[in-house]
């Protein structure tokens, strides 16, 4: 699958899309294993935040899970030709209201894996027509294919943040 072109997504999408190298489905499949393993290796840091007011490792995982759901919904809606605009979301408000600190960390790790595995069935089912369909989310036009790349690149971005600021390996 070819990379999305800049006219298929808002400018902010480049931050994530540019991080994806190789076959997009292979990258998404690899994340089913690498992301849970990363969080599992660092379970002793689940409540660590690198500075006051920053998310804990557990909150970061929760944010990744929330985004996995949101990206999958947006792809589904636009692949099915949804004519309505979809709302944006404030990731800080989502984390603040999610009660991730009350959740079981291991359950959250498994939740990400289960979500991504389920979503992969959908992602792989999309044909070129569906991948190229566009819709409006957060007041910006975006293609299904772009969201697919953003979903992978968003996680790559956060893995970089985890390595740099949380000293997670």
Protein backbone atom coordinates (compact mmCIF):
# COMPACT_ATOMS: atom_id res chain seq x y z
CA UNK A 1 0.00 0.00 0.00
CA UNK A 2 1.35 3.40 -0.95
CA UNK A 3 1.82 6.12 1.64
CA UNK A 4 -0.94 8.71 1.79
CA UNK A 5 -0.20 11.95 -0.02
CA UNK A 6 -0.19 15.30 1.84
CA UNK A 7 -3.53 16.27 0.25
CA UNK A 8 -5.14 13.27 2.00
CA UNK A 9 -4.62 14.47 5.58
CA UNK A 10 -4.25 17.61 7.71
CA UNK A 11 -0.75 18.99 8.27
CA UNK A 12 -0.56 17.58 11.82
CA UNK A 13 -0.80 14.05 10.37
CA UNK A 14 2.69 14.31 8.91
CA UNK A 15 4.13 14.05 12.44
CA UNK A 16 2.86 10.47 12.63
CA UNK A 17 2.76 9.36 9.00
CA UNK A 18 6.45 10.27 8.53
CA UNK A 19 7.42 7.83 11.30
CA UNK A 20 6.05 4.78 9.46
CA UNK A 21 8.61 2.81 7.45
CA UNK A 22 7.89 -0.38 5.58
CA UNK A 23 4.65 -2.17 4.89
CA UNK A 24 1.88 -0.57 6.96
CA UNK A 25 0.10 -3.84 7.76
CA UNK A 26 3.36 -5.44 8.88
CA UNK A 27 4.06 -2.43 11.14
CA UNK A 28 0.56 -2.67 12.65
CA UNK A 29 0.94 -6.43 13.14
CA UNK A 30 4.34 -6.04 14.77
CA UNK A 31 2.89 -3.54 17.25
CA UNK A 32 0.51 -6.26 18.51
CA UNK A 33 3.57 -7.86 20.11
CA UNK A 34 6.11 -5.08 20.63
CA UNK A 35 3.82 -2.65 22.46
CA UNK A 36 2.51 -5.13 25.06
CA UNK A 37 6.08 -6.39 25.56
CA UNK A 38 7.35 -2.85 26.09
CA UNK A 39 4.73 -2.07 28.73
CA UNK A 40 5.14 -5.49 30.37
CA UNK A 41 8.92 -5.02 30.69
CA UNK A 42 8.28 -1.74 32.47
CA UNK A 43 5.43 -2.70 34.79
CA UNK A 44 7.48 -1.55 37.77
CA UNK A 45 7.15 1.99 36.34
CA UNK A 46 3.40 1.93 35.68
CA UNK A 47 2.77 4.93 37.98
CA UNK A 48 5.87 6.87 36.93
CA UNK A 49 5.53 10.29 35.29
CA UNK A 50 8.68 12.11 34.21
CA UNK A 51 7.42 15.46 35.55
CA UNK A 52 4.54 16.91 37.55
CA UNK A 53 1.40 17.15 35.44
CA UNK A 54 2.64 14.62 32.88
CA UNK A 55 0.96 11.29 32.25
CA UNK A 56 2.06 8.17 34.07
CA UNK A 57 3.15 5.17 32.06
CA UNK A 58 -0.27 3.63 32.76
CA UNK A 59 -2.01 6.79 31.53
CA UNK A 60 0.13 6.75 28.38
CA UNK A 61 -1.00 3.17 27.74
CA UNK A 62 -4.60 4.23 28.35
CA UNK A 63 -4.19 7.10 25.87
CA UNK A 64 -2.84 4.65 23.27
CA UNK A 65 -5.87 2.40 23.85
CA UNK A 66 -8.29 5.34 23.55
CA UNK A 67 -6.66 6.43 20.30
CA UNK A 68 -6.76 2.90 18.89
CA UNK A 69 -10.53 2.94 19.40
CA UNK A 70 -10.99 6.43 18.00
CA UNK A 71 -8.85 5.80 14.91
CA UNK A 72 -10.67 2.52 14.22
CA UNK A 73 -14.06 4.23 14.54
CA UNK A 74 -13.03 7.02 12.19
CA UNK A 75 -11.73 4.52 9.63
CA UNK A 76 -14.92 2.50 9.86
CA UNK A 77 -17.14 5.54 9.48
CA UNK A 78 -15.28 6.94 6.49
CA UNK A 79 -14.78 3.55 4.79
CA UNK A 80 -18.56 3.16 4.98
CA UNK A 81 -19.07 6.62 3.44
CA UNK A 82 -20.32 8.35 6.58
CA UNK A 83 -21.50 11.82 5.45
CA UNK A 84 -21.48 13.36 8.93
CA UNK A 85 -18.48 15.14 10.39
CA UNK A 86 -16.93 13.37 13.35
CA UNK A 87 -15.97 15.32 16.45
CA UNK A 88 -12.47 15.88 17.66
CA UNK A 89 -11.29 14.89 21.10
CA UNK A 90 -9.04 16.37 23.75
CA UNK A 91 -6.61 13.66 24.78
CA UNK A 92 -5.79 15.39 28.06
CA UNK A 93 -9.48 15.50 29.04
CA UNK A 94 -9.91 11.85 28.04
CA UNK A 95 -6.99 10.81 30.25
CA UNK A 96 -8.14 13.04 33.11
CA UNK A 97 -11.58 11.40 33.05
CA UNK A 98 -10.59 7.79 32.37
CA UNK A 99 -9.59 6.62 35.87
CA UNK A 100 -6.63 4.72 34.41
CA UNK A 101 -4.99 4.81 37.85
CA UNK A 102 -7.77 2.52 39.10
CA UNK A 103 -7.32 -0.03 36.32
CA UNK A 104 -5.27 -3.20 36.36
CA UNK A 105 -2.10 -2.59 34.34
CA UNK A 106 -1.86 -6.14 32.99
CA UNK A 107 -5.49 -5.99 31.86
CA UNK A 108 -4.73 -2.78 29.98
CA UNK A 109 -1.77 -4.39 28.24
CA UNK A 110 -3.99 -7.26 27.12
CA UNK A 111 -6.72 -4.82 26.11
CA UNK A 112 -4.41 -3.06 23.68
CA UNK A 113 -3.35 -6.36 22.16
CA UNK A 114 -6.95 -7.56 21.80
CA UNK A 115 -8.07 -4.27 20.26
CA UNK A 116 -5.27 -4.19 17.73
CA UNK A 117 -5.78 -7.85 16.80
CA UNK A 118 -9.49 -7.23 16.22
CA UNK A 119 -8.81 -4.04 14.29
CA UNK A 120 -6.34 -5.81 12.02
CA UNK A 121 -9.16 -7.95 10.62
CA UNK A 122 -10.92 -4.75 9.63
CA UNK A 123 -7.78 -3.01 8.35
CA UNK A 124 -6.91 -5.98 6.12
CA UNK A 125 -10.44 -6.11 4.72
CA UNK A 126 -10.29 -2.60 3.26
CA UNK A 127 -9.98 -2.34 -0.50
CA UNK A 128 -8.43 0.56 -2.43
CA UNK A 129 -11.76 2.34 -2.83
CA UNK A 130 -12.42 2.22 0.91
CA UNK A 131 -8.85 3.20 1.81
CA UNK A 132 -9.10 6.27 -0.41
CA UNK A 133 -12.44 7.46 0.92
CA UNK A 134 -12.34 10.63 2.95
CA UNK A 135 -14.35 12.15 5.73
CA UNK A 136 -14.15 15.03 8.12
CA UNK A 137 -12.91 14.60 11.67
CA UNK A 138 -11.88 17.45 13.96
CA UNK A 139 -12.96 19.85 11.20
CA UNK A 140 -10.33 18.47 8.80
CA UNK A 141 -10.68 16.20 5.78
CA UNK A 142 -8.74 12.95 6.03
CA UNK A 143 -8.60 9.65 4.14
CA UNK A 144 -9.04 6.22 5.66
CA UNK A 145 -5.52 5.26 4.52
CA UNK A 146 -4.10 8.32 6.27
CA UNK A 147 -5.76 7.34 9.54
CA UNK A 148 -4.32 3.85 9.17
CA UNK A 149 -0.81 5.30 8.89
CA UNK A 150 -1.49 7.76 11.72
CA UNK A 151 -2.59 4.88 13.98
CA UNK A 152 0.79 3.17 13.49
CA UNK A 153 2.84 6.37 13.59
CA UNK A 154 1.08 7.63 16.72
CA UNK A 155 2.32 4.58 18.60
CA UNK A 156 5.82 4.95 17.16
CA UNK A 157 5.77 8.57 18.36
CA UNK A 158 4.82 7.54 21.89
CA UNK A 159 7.43 4.78 21.99
CA UNK A 160 9.98 7.52 21.28
CA UNK A 161 8.57 9.67 24.08
CA UNK A 162 8.68 6.68 26.44
CA UNK A 163 12.33 6.00 25.59
CA UNK A 164 13.39 9.64 25.81
CA UNK A 165 11.44 10.95 28.77
CA UNK A 166 10.42 7.87 30.75
CA UNK A 167 13.64 5.94 30.16
CA UNK A 168 11.59 2.93 29.14
CA UNK A 169 13.38 0.26 27.14
